C-alpha cells in the first residue's frame, strides 16, 4: 500500500470516528503531530460547564448556551492577548502581533456569516475575546529542510504523485481559551482549544511563529463556527463558505467596516507565501497601526 493511500485512509477514519491526532499517530497512520495542552489562563468567567468535544487534530472543551447565542444579532471583538505564561515564548513583538491578529481577523470573517460586527467601543449583544495560553515555536531550519526535500522531489520525480511529508522535528502548537459574554458579562459560550502542527497534513513556514500563525486562523474558524451554528464545530460534514465571504478571503474588503481593524487577508500573495514556506511577515501586512498589543493578562 502506498504512503498516499495510508494518508487517505487516515483522513477517512478520522472523520468517521472523531479520533484525535494522537490516536492516529499511535495507529501508525499519521507520521507525527505536535501536542498542545489545554491550558487555563483564568480569563473565562467560569470553567465549570466545559465538556470535551474533539476534532480530528484538535482537542477542545466547550460550553454553549445555544438559544441565547442564536438569538444574538451583534458582536464586538476585543483584541486577542497572550497570557503571561504564553508571552514567555521568545517571539518578537511583530511575531506576536501577527499571531494575535490572525485570530481576530479569522474570528471577524467567520462571525460575519451570521452576525453584524460592530466597533469595540459600541454596545453589542455579545462580546468576544480570546487569550493565547500556550505556544510552541516552529523549528524554521527543519521547515527549510522539508521544503528542500519537496523541491527535490519535484525536480527528480516530476509527475509522480508521492507526497513529501514534513520532517517531524520542531512542530509548533497553539492553545487558546475564548468566550462570548452578554452585555451584562454573563458567559454565553466558551472554548478551550489546542492543536499541534502535523507532519503529514498542511504546510509550514520558515519562521518561529509559522505554525502558530496558521493555527491561530484555524482557531478563529472553529470558534466562529460554533457561534454561527449553535453547535460544536467538530464532527459534522464540511460546508462551503458563503459566496460573499470569498472576496475578503482573497484580500478584498471585509463585509463589516469593524473588521478592517484587523487588516485584510493576504489573498493570493498569502497562498503563494504558504506554498513557498515564506515567513508570515513577508506576506501579511497585519492590522493597521494602533497602540501596542498587550501581552499579559
Protein backbone atom coordinates (compact mmCIF):
# COMPACT_ATOMS: atom_id res chain seq x y z
CA UNK A 1 0.00 0.00 0.00
CA UNK A 2 1.32 3.44 -0.94
CA UNK A 3 2.06 6.23 1.53
CA UNK A 4 -0.62 8.32 -0.20
CA UNK A 5 -3.22 5.56 0.32
CA UNK A 6 -2.34 5.43 4.00
CA UNK A 7 -2.89 9.16 4.27
CA UNK A 8 -6.32 8.93 2.60
CA UNK A 9 -7.30 6.05 4.88
CA UNK A 10 -6.22 8.05 7.94
CA UNK A 11 -8.36 11.03 6.96
CA UNK A 12 -11.43 8.87 6.26
CA UNK A 13 -11.02 7.00 9.53
CA UNK A 14 -10.60 10.22 11.49
CA UNK A 15 -13.75 11.75 10.02
CA UNK A 16 -15.82 8.66 10.87
CA UNK A 17 -14.65 8.18 14.43
CA UNK A 18 -13.61 11.67 15.52
CA UNK A 19 -10.27 10.33 16.68
CA UNK A 20 -7.59 12.75 17.74
CA UNK A 21 -4.22 13.39 16.15
CA UNK A 22 -2.55 11.49 18.98
CA UNK A 23 -4.63 8.35 18.41
CA UNK A 24 -3.89 8.42 14.69
CA UNK A 25 -0.19 8.59 15.44
CA UNK A 26 -0.49 5.63 17.78
CA UNK A 27 -2.17 3.65 15.00
CA UNK A 28 0.72 4.38 12.66
CA UNK A 29 -1.48 6.29 10.23
CA UNK A 30 -0.08 9.72 10.88
CA UNK A 31 3.63 10.47 10.73
CA UNK A 32 3.77 12.93 13.62
CA UNK A 33 1.83 15.64 15.38
CA UNK A 34 2.84 18.25 17.88
CA UNK A 35 0.77 18.23 21.07
CA UNK A 36 -0.96 21.25 22.56
CA UNK A 37 -2.07 21.27 26.21
CA UNK A 38 -5.48 22.64 27.18
CA UNK A 39 -4.11 25.35 29.44
CA UNK A 40 -6.27 27.64 31.57
CA UNK A 41 -5.22 31.26 31.95
CA UNK A 42 -8.11 32.34 34.17
CA UNK A 43 -9.67 34.69 31.61
CA UNK A 44 -13.01 32.85 31.41
CA UNK A 45 -15.85 33.72 33.75
CA UNK A 46 -16.23 30.02 34.54
CA UNK A 47 -14.71 26.67 33.59
CA UNK A 48 -17.33 24.55 35.38
CA UNK A 49 -19.61 23.55 32.50
CA UNK A 50 -16.98 22.84 29.86
CA UNK A 51 -17.34 19.48 28.10
CA UNK A 52 -14.89 17.68 25.82
CA UNK A 53 -15.52 17.94 22.08
CA UNK A 54 -12.54 16.88 20.00
CA UNK A 55 -11.90 17.03 16.29
CA UNK A 56 -9.51 15.06 14.08
CA UNK A 57 -6.46 17.06 15.13
CA UNK A 58 -7.98 19.34 17.77
CA UNK A 59 -8.68 18.95 21.46
CA UNK A 60 -11.28 21.23 22.97
CA UNK A 61 -13.61 21.89 25.87
CA UNK A 62 -16.87 23.68 25.07
CA UNK A 63 -19.77 25.39 26.81
CA UNK A 64 -22.62 26.81 24.75
CA UNK A 65 -25.94 28.44 25.59
CA UNK A 66 -27.42 27.70 22.18
CA UNK A 67 -30.67 29.67 22.47
CA UNK A 68 -29.01 32.87 23.69
CA UNK A 69 -26.20 32.69 21.13
CA UNK A 70 -28.57 32.14 18.21
CA UNK A 71 -30.78 34.99 19.44
CA UNK A 72 -27.86 37.45 19.36
CA UNK A 73 -27.53 39.77 16.38
CA UNK A 74 -24.50 41.97 17.06
CA UNK A 75 -20.97 41.09 18.18
CA UNK A 76 -17.82 43.01 19.01
CA UNK A 77 -14.33 41.56 19.21
CA UNK A 78 -11.79 42.57 21.84
CA UNK A 79 -8.24 42.03 20.50
CA UNK A 80 -6.63 38.72 21.43
CA UNK A 81 -3.86 38.70 24.03
CA UNK A 82 -1.04 36.42 25.12
CA UNK A 83 -1.33 35.16 28.68
CA UNK A 84 1.62 35.95 30.93
CA UNK A 85 2.87 32.36 30.57
CA UNK A 86 2.49 32.20 26.78
CA UNK A 87 4.25 35.55 26.41
CA UNK A 88 7.46 33.94 27.70
CA UNK A 89 7.96 32.27 24.31
CA UNK A 90 10.73 34.24 22.58
CA UNK A 91 8.69 35.77 19.77
CA UNK A 92 9.36 39.30 18.64
CA UNK A 93 6.65 41.93 19.08
CA UNK A 94 5.93 41.69 15.34
CA UNK A 95 5.55 37.91 15.53
CA UNK A 96 3.16 38.14 18.49
CA UNK A 97 1.04 40.75 16.71
CA UNK A 98 0.81 38.59 13.58
CA UNK A 99 -0.42 35.62 15.60
CA UNK A 100 -2.99 37.52 17.69
CA UNK A 101 -4.21 39.42 14.65
CA UNK A 102 -4.62 36.16 12.71
CA UNK A 103 -7.00 35.03 15.49
CA UNK A 104 -9.03 38.24 15.41
CA UNK A 105 -9.23 38.52 11.63
CA UNK A 106 -10.38 34.91 11.33
CA UNK A 107 -12.97 35.42 14.06
CA UNK A 108 -14.29 38.56 12.39
CA UNK A 109 -14.59 36.92 8.99
CA UNK A 110 -16.27 33.79 10.35
CA UNK A 111 -18.70 35.61 12.63
CA UNK A 112 -19.72 37.89 9.75
CA UNK A 113 -21.54 34.93 8.20
CA UNK A 114 -24.43 35.48 10.64
CA UNK A 115 -23.74 38.38 12.97
CA UNK A 116 -23.27 42.10 12.47
CA UNK A 117 -19.78 43.03 13.67
CA UNK A 118 -19.60 46.38 15.44
CA UNK A 119 -16.71 48.50 16.69
CA UNK A 120 -15.24 47.54 20.06
CA UNK A 121 -16.43 50.86 21.51
CA UNK A 122 -20.08 50.16 20.60
CA UNK A 123 -22.66 48.13 22.56
CA UNK A 124 -23.29 44.59 21.30
CA UNK A 125 -25.32 41.53 22.18
CA UNK A 126 -22.12 39.51 22.59
CA UNK A 127 -18.51 40.44 23.29
CA UNK A 128 -15.74 38.07 22.19
CA UNK A 129 -12.20 37.82 23.47
CA UNK A 130 -9.58 35.12 23.09
CA UNK A 131 -6.39 34.57 25.09
CA UNK A 132 -3.41 32.57 23.86
CA UNK A 133 -2.49 30.26 26.71
CA UNK A 134 0.30 28.17 25.17
CA UNK A 135 2.50 28.38 22.11
CA UNK A 136 5.40 26.24 20.91
CA UNK A 137 7.62 27.81 18.23
CA UNK A 138 8.37 26.25 14.87
CA UNK A 139 11.86 24.99 14.05
CA UNK A 140 12.43 27.01 10.88
CA UNK A 141 15.58 25.04 9.96
CA UNK A 142 13.54 21.82 9.88
CA UNK A 143 10.93 23.54 7.73
CA UNK A 144 13.69 24.61 5.34
CA UNK A 145 14.91 21.02 5.03
CA UNK A 146 11.37 19.81 4.41
CA UNK A 147 10.84 22.39 1.70
CA UNK A 148 14.16 21.42 0.11
CA UNK A 149 13.06 17.77 0.01
CA UNK A 150 9.79 18.78 -1.60
CA UNK A 151 11.57 20.81 -4.28
CA UNK A 152 13.99 17.94 -4.93
CA UNK A 153 11.07 15.56 -5.42
CA UNK A 154 9.52 17.96 -7.93
CA UNK A 155 12.79 18.13 -9.88
CA UNK A 156 13.82 14.48 -9.81
CA UNK A 157 10.39 12.80 -9.73
CA UNK A 158 8.14 15.10 -11.76
CA UNK A 159 4.66 13.76 -12.28
CA UNK A 160 4.98 11.10 -9.58
CA UNK A 161 2.09 11.67 -7.10
CA UNK A 162 4.06 10.89 -3.96
CA UNK A 163 3.54 13.37 -1.09
CA UNK A 164 6.62 14.57 0.76
CA UNK A 165 5.79 14.76 4.48
CA UNK A 166 7.25 17.43 6.67
CA UNK A 167 10.25 16.43 8.79
CA UNK A 168 8.66 15.70 12.21
CA UNK A 169 11.05 17.91 14.17
CA UNK A 170 10.21 21.20 15.81
CA UNK A 171 6.50 21.17 15.01
CA UNK A 172 4.71 24.15 16.53
CA UNK A 173 1.49 24.16 18.55
CA UNK A 174 -1.04 26.62 19.90
CA UNK A 175 -3.65 26.69 22.67
CA UNK A 176 -6.27 29.32 23.39
CA UNK A 177 -9.31 29.99 25.50
CA UNK A 178 -12.14 32.30 24.49
CA UNK A 179 -15.66 33.18 25.48
CA UNK A 180 -18.68 35.12 24.31
CA UNK A 181 -20.23 37.28 27.02
CA UNK A 182 -23.55 39.08 27.13
CA UNK A 183 -23.71 42.84 27.74
CA UNK A 184 -24.02 42.14 31.47
CA UNK A 185 -20.92 39.91 31.49
CA UNK A 186 -22.63 36.50 31.60
CA UNK A 187 -20.85 33.69 29.76
CA UNK A 188 -22.90 32.51 26.77
CA UNK A 189 -20.25 30.39 25.06
CA UNK A 190 -16.71 29.31 25.86
CA UNK A 191 -13.99 27.21 24.30
CA UNK A 192 -10.63 25.93 25.49
CA UNK A 193 -8.79 24.80 22.36
CA UNK A 194 -5.46 23.20 21.45
CA UNK A 195 -3.92 21.93 18.23
CA UNK A 196 -0.45 20.97 17.09
CA UNK A 197 1.02 21.08 13.61
CA UNK A 198 1.09 17.83 11.64
CA UNK A 199 3.98 16.46 9.63
CA UNK A 200 1.60 14.90 7.11
CA UNK A 201 -1.19 17.43 6.61
CA UNK A 202 -0.86 21.12 5.81
CA UNK A 203 2.16 23.26 5.02
CA UNK A 204 4.72 25.13 7.07
CA UNK A 205 6.56 28.44 7.05
CA UNK A 206 10.21 29.16 7.79
CA UNK A 207 9.62 31.30 10.85
CA UNK A 208 9.35 30.66 14.58
CA UNK A 209 5.70 31.77 14.58
CA UNK A 210 4.84 29.94 11.35
CA UNK A 211 2.72 27.14 12.82
CA UNK A 212 1.18 29.37 15.49
CA UNK A 213 0.12 31.82 12.75
CA UNK A 214 -1.60 29.07 10.76
CA UNK A 215 -3.21 27.52 13.83
CA UNK A 216 -4.45 30.93 15.01
CA UNK A 217 -6.64 31.21 11.92
CA UNK A 218 -7.89 27.64 12.45
CA UNK A 219 -8.99 28.53 15.98
CA UNK A 220 -10.87 31.57 14.69
CA UNK A 221 -12.70 29.37 12.22
CA UNK A 222 -13.67 26.83 14.89
CA UNK A 223 -14.87 29.35 17.49
CA UNK A 224 -16.83 31.43 14.99
CA UNK A 225 -18.43 28.30 13.50
CA UNK A 226 -19.63 27.29 16.98
CA UNK A 227 -21.38 30.65 17.43
CA UNK A 228 -22.78 30.80 13.90
CA UNK A 229 -24.26 27.29 14.01
CA UNK A 230 -25.00 26.97 17.72
CA UNK A 231 -23.24 23.61 17.98
CA UNK A 232 -19.78 22.06 18.15
CA UNK A 233 -17.65 22.83 15.10
CA UNK A 234 -16.25 19.28 15.09
CA UNK A 235 -17.58 16.08 13.61
CA UNK A 236 -20.03 17.43 11.04
CA UNK A 237 -19.84 17.39 7.27
CA UNK A 238 -17.65 20.05 5.61
CA UNK A 239 -19.53 23.10 4.37
CA UNK A 240 -18.61 25.65 1.74
CA UNK A 241 -18.20 29.28 2.87
CA UNK A 242 -20.87 31.76 1.71
CA UNK A 243 -20.19 33.33 -1.68
CA UNK A 244 -19.92 36.81 -0.14
CA UNK A 245 -17.02 35.66 2.04
CA UNK A 246 -14.79 34.79 -0.91
CA UNK A 247 -13.89 38.41 -1.65
CA UNK A 248 -12.45 39.09 1.82
CA UNK A 249 -10.61 35.75 1.80
CA UNK A 250 -8.83 36.83 -1.39
CA UNK A 251 -7.80 40.17 0.08
CA UNK A 252 -10.92 42.22 -0.60
CA UNK A 253 -12.80 44.49 1.79
CA UNK A 254 -14.50 42.90 4.78
CA UNK A 255 -18.29 42.66 4.97
CA UNK A 256 -18.33 44.95 8.01
CA UNK A 257 -16.06 48.00 8.46
CA UNK A 258 -15.28 46.96 12.06
CA UNK A 259 -13.26 44.01 10.69
CA UNK A 260 -10.91 46.42 8.91
CA UNK A 261 -9.31 46.99 12.33
CA UNK A 262 -7.67 43.59 11.84
CA UNK A 263 -6.45 44.23 8.31
CA UNK A 264 -7.15 42.36 5.09
CA UNK A 265 -6.36 38.73 4.37
CA UNK A 266 -3.15 38.33 2.34
CA UNK A 267 -5.12 36.73 -0.51
CA UNK A 268 -3.21 35.19 -3.38
CA UNK A 269 0.07 36.60 -2.06
CA UNK A 270 -0.53 34.68 1.15
CA UNK A 271 -1.33 31.48 -0.76
CA UNK A 272 1.92 31.84 -2.68
CA UNK A 273 3.86 32.56 0.50
CA UNK A 274 2.38 29.47 2.10
CA UNK A 275 3.44 27.29 -0.82
CA UNK A 276 6.96 28.74 -0.73
CA UNK A 277 7.19 28.45 3.08
CA UNK A 278 7.82 32.19 3.43
CA UNK A 279 7.63 33.82 6.89
CA UNK A 280 4.16 35.31 7.57
CA UNK A 281 5.57 38.82 7.94
CA UNK A 282 6.67 38.70 4.29
CA UNK A 283 3.12 38.35 3.00
CA UNK A 284 0.78 39.60 5.75
CA UNK A 285 0.54 43.33 6.39
CA UNK A 286 -1.26 42.66 9.65
CA UNK A 287 -3.52 45.17 11.35
CA UNK A 288 -3.38 48.89 10.68
CA UNK A 289 -1.16 50.84 13.06
CA UNK A 290 -2.58 51.08 16.56
CA UNK A 291 -1.46 51.00 20.19
CA UNK A 292 0.99 48.28 21.09
CA UNK A 293 -0.73 44.94 21.68
CA UNK A 294 -0.79 43.86 25.32
CA UNK A 295 0.97 40.58 26.05
CA UNK A 296 -0.16 39.81 29.59
CA UNK A 297 -3.41 39.48 31.47
